Amino acid sequence: MSKTPASHDPSGLKSVHKTVAVLECFSRLERSLSVAEVAKKTGLPKTTTHRILTTLREVGYVEQEREREHYRLGIRLFELGNVVLDSMDLPREAAPFVERLIQLSGEGSHLCVFDGAQAVVIQHRDPDGGTGNRVTTIHAAPAHCTGVGKAALAFQPEETITRIIQAGLQRYTRTTITEPDALRAELTQIRGQGYAIDNSEHEAGLGCVAAPIRNAAGDVFAAISVSGPQVRMTEDRIPSLAELVMDIAEKISRRLGYAGSS
């Protein structure tokens, strides 16, 4: 009797899901976790959690701290992240336009892709004498309270927006939008005007203006922003910054194959 192929093995798929669930427990706010903390977050038994963490440690995807029973993500994941960046067209095609955005605005910039739940920032550029410093650090930003997150989220299917709302709209600052109706209203406004504003909603004192980036099929899968201290991102400056960032986002989209709306 022939064996069931591994790709159709339900137990194998369950193991993969469990492993991914363990990895997704770690974040910028929770960089180090114990077995008990991971087990609580995933709902897995401690023995299963320990087994998964041990396997991940053996292959370099997590590291165990020497002085206590805590784990953190391993350097191997960083290496894989760089492979992902190198294989993506977006960072390469966007590079000259990001540089132009920084030069014209005198502010920093964030380039992100939307992963279905969060805005994954793949490039952060800070201005430095008008030329910009490249900082490549992959990290996730909330979709409901960042400029790039809202610029991408506004153009997603309704079920995606609903899922993010149901997951909870965490408050980060006093201006964070935490009411579902208020967020939906803002997303409608973003679709109409073509850009999003972050009014210190994720980080106090930081403001930004962001616009969506489309792929060849016309789907919004990424976003770009111009960002800086709130004292410089004033209300009377928003229109010119919005026009600039939308123009840059449009140029990047066309470099990726987007032909424009009919």
Protein backbone atom coordinates (compact mmCIF):
# COMPACT_ATOMS: atom_id res chain seq x y z
CA MET A 1 0.00 0.00 0.00
CA SER A 2 1.43 3.40 -0.99
CA LYS A 3 2.17 5.97 1.67
CA THR A 4 0.39 9.31 1.86
CA PRO A 5 2.62 12.00 0.35
CA ALA A 6 4.18 14.29 2.95
CA SER A 7 2.54 17.32 1.34
CA HIS A 8 -0.88 15.82 2.10
CA ASP A 9 -0.05 14.62 5.61
CA PRO A 10 -2.47 16.38 7.99
CA SER A 11 -0.20 15.81 10.98
CA GLY A 12 2.70 17.40 9.10
CA LEU A 13 0.64 20.46 8.27
CA LYS A 14 -0.43 20.78 11.89
CA SER A 15 3.21 20.69 12.97
CA VAL A 16 4.05 23.47 10.54
CA HIS A 17 1.19 25.61 11.85
CA LYS A 18 2.32 25.05 15.43
CA THR A 19 5.88 25.99 14.56
CA VAL A 20 4.76 29.19 12.82
CA ALA A 21 2.53 30.04 15.80
CA VAL A 22 5.55 29.76 18.10
CA LEU A 23 7.68 32.02 15.91
CA GLU A 24 4.93 34.62 15.66
CA CYS A 25 4.85 34.99 19.44
CA PHE A 26 8.01 37.09 19.29
CA SER A 27 7.81 40.80 18.49
CA ARG A 28 9.70 44.05 18.94
CA LEU A 29 7.93 44.48 22.28
CA GLU A 30 8.42 40.87 23.37
CA ARG A 31 11.85 39.88 22.11
CA SER A 32 12.55 37.31 24.81
CA LEU A 33 10.02 34.72 26.01
CA SER A 34 10.03 31.69 28.28
CA VAL A 35 8.56 28.31 27.38
CA ALA A 36 5.61 29.04 29.66
CA GLU A 37 4.96 32.41 28.01
CA VAL A 38 5.06 30.93 24.51
CA ALA A 39 2.79 28.07 25.60
CA LYS A 40 0.28 30.56 27.02
CA LYS A 41 0.30 32.65 23.85
CA THR A 42 -0.14 29.69 21.50
CA GLY A 43 -2.36 27.52 23.70
CA LEU A 44 0.02 24.60 23.14
CA PRO A 45 1.10 22.23 25.93
CA LYS A 46 4.42 23.16 27.53
CA THR A 47 5.98 19.87 26.41
CA THR A 48 5.02 20.56 22.79
CA THR A 49 6.22 24.16 23.04
CA HIS A 50 9.55 23.07 24.50
CA ARG A 51 10.01 20.48 21.76
CA ILE A 52 9.34 23.02 19.02
CA LEU A 53 11.65 25.62 20.56
CA THR A 54 14.39 23.02 20.95
CA THR A 55 14.10 22.06 17.28
CA LEU A 56 14.09 25.72 16.19
CA ARG A 57 17.17 26.35 18.32
CA GLU A 58 18.99 23.42 16.72
CA VAL A 59 18.47 24.88 13.23
CA GLY A 60 19.27 28.45 14.27
CA TYR A 61 15.80 30.01 14.07
CA VAL A 62 15.74 30.79 17.78
CA GLU A 63 18.47 31.26 20.35
CA GLN A 64 18.35 30.31 24.02
CA GLU A 65 19.64 32.79 26.57
CA ARG A 66 22.38 31.35 28.70
CA GLU A 67 21.38 32.53 32.15
CA ARG A 68 17.68 31.74 32.04
CA GLU A 69 15.13 29.61 30.25
CA HIS A 70 14.21 32.28 27.71
CA TYR A 71 14.35 32.28 23.93
CA ARG A 72 14.66 34.94 21.25
CA LEU A 73 14.61 34.84 17.45
CA GLY A 74 17.86 33.66 15.87
CA ILE A 75 20.17 35.19 13.31
CA ARG A 76 19.12 32.59 10.74
CA LEU A 77 15.76 34.36 10.38
CA PHE A 78 17.57 37.64 9.73
CA GLU A 79 19.57 35.93 6.98
CA LEU A 80 16.36 34.61 5.41
CA GLY A 81 14.83 38.07 5.65
CA ASN A 82 17.72 39.50 3.66
CA VAL A 83 17.20 36.79 1.04
CA VAL A 84 13.57 37.90 0.78
CA LEU A 85 14.62 41.53 0.35
CA ASP A 86 17.15 40.62 -2.32
CA SER A 87 14.50 38.69 -4.26
CA MET A 88 11.92 41.49 -4.15
CA ASP A 89 11.56 43.96 -6.98
CA LEU A 90 10.14 46.66 -4.73
CA PRO A 91 13.25 47.78 -2.79
CA ARG A 92 15.38 47.75 -5.93
CA GLU A 93 12.91 49.60 -8.16
CA ALA A 94 11.91 52.05 -5.43
CA ALA A 95 15.45 53.04 -4.43
CA PRO A 96 15.95 56.08 -6.71
CA PHE A 97 12.44 57.36 -5.98
CA VAL A 98 12.90 57.04 -2.22
CA GLU A 99 16.11 59.04 -2.58
CA ARG A 100 14.22 61.68 -4.54
CA LEU A 101 11.45 61.80 -1.92
CA ILE A 102 13.98 62.45 0.84
CA GLN A 103 15.77 65.13 -1.15
CA LEU A 104 12.60 67.02 -2.02
CA SER A 105 10.96 66.76 1.40
CA GLY A 106 13.98 66.97 3.67
CA GLU A 107 12.33 64.29 5.83
CA GLY A 108 12.71 60.56 6.36
CA SER A 109 10.87 57.79 4.57
CA HIS A 110 9.44 54.33 5.24
CA LEU A 111 8.84 51.71 2.56
CA CYS A 112 6.59 48.81 3.52
CA VAL A 113 4.69 45.82 2.20
CA PHE A 114 1.30 44.74 3.54
CA ASP A 115 1.28 41.11 4.71
CA GLY A 116 -2.47 40.82 5.24
CA ALA A 117 -2.33 41.91 8.86
CA GLN A 118 0.46 44.44 9.33
CA ALA A 119 2.63 46.86 7.45
CA VAL A 120 6.05 45.20 7.24
CA VAL A 121 8.62 47.97 7.01
CA ILE A 122 11.41 46.77 4.73
CA GLN A 123 13.33 50.02 4.51
CA HIS A 124 13.67 53.07 6.71
CA ARG A 125 15.60 56.08 5.46
CA ASP A 126 16.60 59.02 7.62
CA PRO A 127 17.71 62.29 6.03
CA ASP A 128 21.40 63.09 6.39
CA GLY A 129 22.50 66.26 4.72
CA GLY A 130 19.81 65.72 2.09
CA THR A 131 21.18 62.37 0.93
CA GLY A 132 19.62 59.98 3.39
CA ASN A 133 20.96 57.07 5.40
CA ARG A 134 19.77 53.61 4.48
CA VAL A 135 18.66 51.47 7.38
CA THR A 136 17.40 48.02 6.45
CA THR A 137 15.55 46.56 9.41
CA ILE A 138 12.54 44.39 8.78
CA HIS A 139 9.86 44.98 11.37
CA ALA A 140 6.08 45.06 11.49
CA ALA A 141 4.02 48.18 12.12
CA PRO A 142 0.32 48.23 13.05
CA ALA A 143 -1.96 48.77 10.07
CA HIS A 144 -4.55 50.86 11.91
CA CYS A 145 -2.34 53.65 13.26
CA THR A 146 0.61 54.20 10.93
CA GLY A 147 0.63 56.16 7.71
CA VAL A 148 1.95 53.29 5.59
CA GLY A 149 -0.39 50.85 7.34
CA LYS A 150 -3.53 52.88 6.71
CA ALA A 151 -2.48 53.76 3.14
CA ALA A 152 -2.29 50.04 2.36
CA LEU A 153 -5.22 48.90 4.49
CA ALA A 154 -7.67 51.36 2.93
CA PHE A 155 -7.46 49.53 -0.40
CA GLN A 156 -7.80 45.97 0.92
CA PRO A 157 -10.94 43.80 0.65
CA GLU A 158 -13.61 44.38 3.26
CA GLU A 159 -12.95 41.01 4.90
CA THR A 160 -9.33 42.00 5.52
CA ILE A 161 -10.36 45.27 7.15
CA THR A 162 -12.93 43.46 9.29
CA ARG A 163 -10.38 40.87 10.40
CA ILE A 164 -7.93 43.52 11.53
CA ILE A 165 -10.64 45.40 13.42
CA GLN A 166 -11.82 42.23 15.13
CA ALA A 167 -8.24 41.46 16.19
CA GLY A 168 -8.33 44.66 18.24
CA LEU A 169 -7.26 48.25 17.63
CA GLN A 170 -4.53 48.74 20.21
CA ARG A 171 -3.94 52.23 21.58
CA TYR A 172 -0.37 53.50 21.32
CA THR A 173 -0.84 57.24 21.89
CA ARG A 174 -3.68 59.58 22.78
CA THR A 175 -4.43 60.10 19.06
CA THR A 176 -4.58 56.40 18.10
CA ILE A 177 -7.86 55.48 16.42
CA THR A 178 -9.37 52.65 18.47
CA GLU A 179 -13.04 52.84 17.43
CA PRO A 180 -13.99 50.62 14.45
CA ASP A 181 -16.42 53.15 12.97
CA ALA A 182 -13.84 55.94 13.19
CA LEU A 183 -11.23 53.78 11.47
CA ARG A 184 -13.63 52.78 8.69
CA ALA A 185 -14.51 56.44 8.14
CA GLU A 186 -10.83 57.36 7.87
CA LEU A 187 -10.13 54.51 5.45
CA THR A 188 -12.99 55.76 3.26
CA GLN A 189 -11.43 59.23 3.29
CA ILE A 190 -8.03 57.78 2.38
CA ARG A 191 -9.49 55.96 -0.63
CA GLY A 192 -11.02 59.22 -1.80
CA GLN A 193 -8.00 61.46 -1.39
CA GLY A 194 -5.31 58.91 -2.23
CA TYR A 195 -3.10 59.35 0.84
CA ALA A 196 -3.04 58.69 4.59
CA ILE A 197 -1.88 60.79 7.52
CA ASP A 198 -0.37 59.58 10.77
CA ASN A 199 -0.98 62.26 13.38
CA SER A 200 1.36 60.88 16.07
CA GLU A 201 -0.94 57.85 16.27
CA HIS A 202 1.78 55.22 16.65
CA GLU A 203 4.68 57.20 18.09
CA ALA A 204 4.13 60.41 20.02
CA GLY A 205 5.74 63.36 18.30
CA LEU A 206 6.11 61.64 14.92
CA GLY A 207 3.94 62.45 11.92
CA CYS A 208 3.85 61.17 8.37
CA VAL A 209 2.04 61.24 5.05
CA ALA A 210 1.82 57.99 3.07
CA ALA A 211 0.50 56.75 -0.25
CA PRO A 212 -0.28 53.28 -1.64
CA ILE A 213 1.89 51.38 -4.13
CA ARG A 214 0.27 49.04 -6.67
CA ASN A 215 1.61 45.96 -8.43
CA ALA A 216 1.22 45.16 -12.12
CA ALA A 217 -2.31 43.85 -11.51
CA GLY A 218 -3.32 47.13 -9.88
CA ASP A 219 -3.56 45.70 -6.37
CA VAL A 220 -2.25 47.74 -3.44
CA PHE A 221 0.42 45.63 -1.78
CA ALA A 222 2.77 48.27 -0.38
CA ALA A 223 3.04 51.89 0.70
CA ILE A 224 5.61 54.63 1.08
CA SER A 225 5.70 57.57 3.46
CA VAL A 226 7.50 60.78 4.21
CA SER A 227 7.88 61.16 7.97
CA GLY A 228 9.39 63.47 10.53
CA PRO A 229 8.83 65.25 13.85
CA GLN A 230 5.26 66.43 14.29
CA VAL A 231 6.48 70.02 14.75
CA ARG A 232 7.61 69.95 11.11
CA MET A 233 4.71 67.91 9.75
CA THR A 234 2.33 70.83 10.14
CA GLU A 235 -1.21 71.05 8.78
CA ASP A 236 -0.32 73.69 6.19
CA ARG A 237 2.49 71.48 4.89
CA ILE A 238 0.37 68.34 4.44
CA PRO A 239 -1.05 69.17 0.96
CA SER A 240 2.37 69.62 -0.65
CA LEU A 241 3.80 66.55 1.06
CA ALA A 242 0.76 64.51 0.04
CA GLU A 243 1.15 65.58 -3.60
CA LEU A 244 4.84 64.66 -3.49
CA VAL A 245 4.42 61.23 -1.87
CA MET A 246 1.50 60.30 -4.16
CA ASP A 247 3.60 61.20 -7.20
CA ILE A 248 6.49 59.08 -5.93
CA ALA A 249 4.15 56.15 -5.15
CA GLU A 250 2.66 56.39 -8.65
CA LYS A 251 6.11 56.35 -10.26
CA ILE A 252 7.15 53.30 -8.23
CA SER A 253 3.91 51.53 -9.16
CA ARG A 254 4.53 52.13 -12.86
CA ARG A 255 8.10 50.81 -12.54
CA LEU A 256 6.55 47.63 -11.12
CA GLY A 257 4.28 47.27 -14.16
CA TYR A 258 1.15 49.14 -13.11
CA ALA A 259 -0.42 50.72 -16.20
CA GLY A 260 -2.76 53.08 -14.37
CA SER A 261 -6.52 53.12 -14.03
CA SER A 262 -8.55 52.91 -17.20
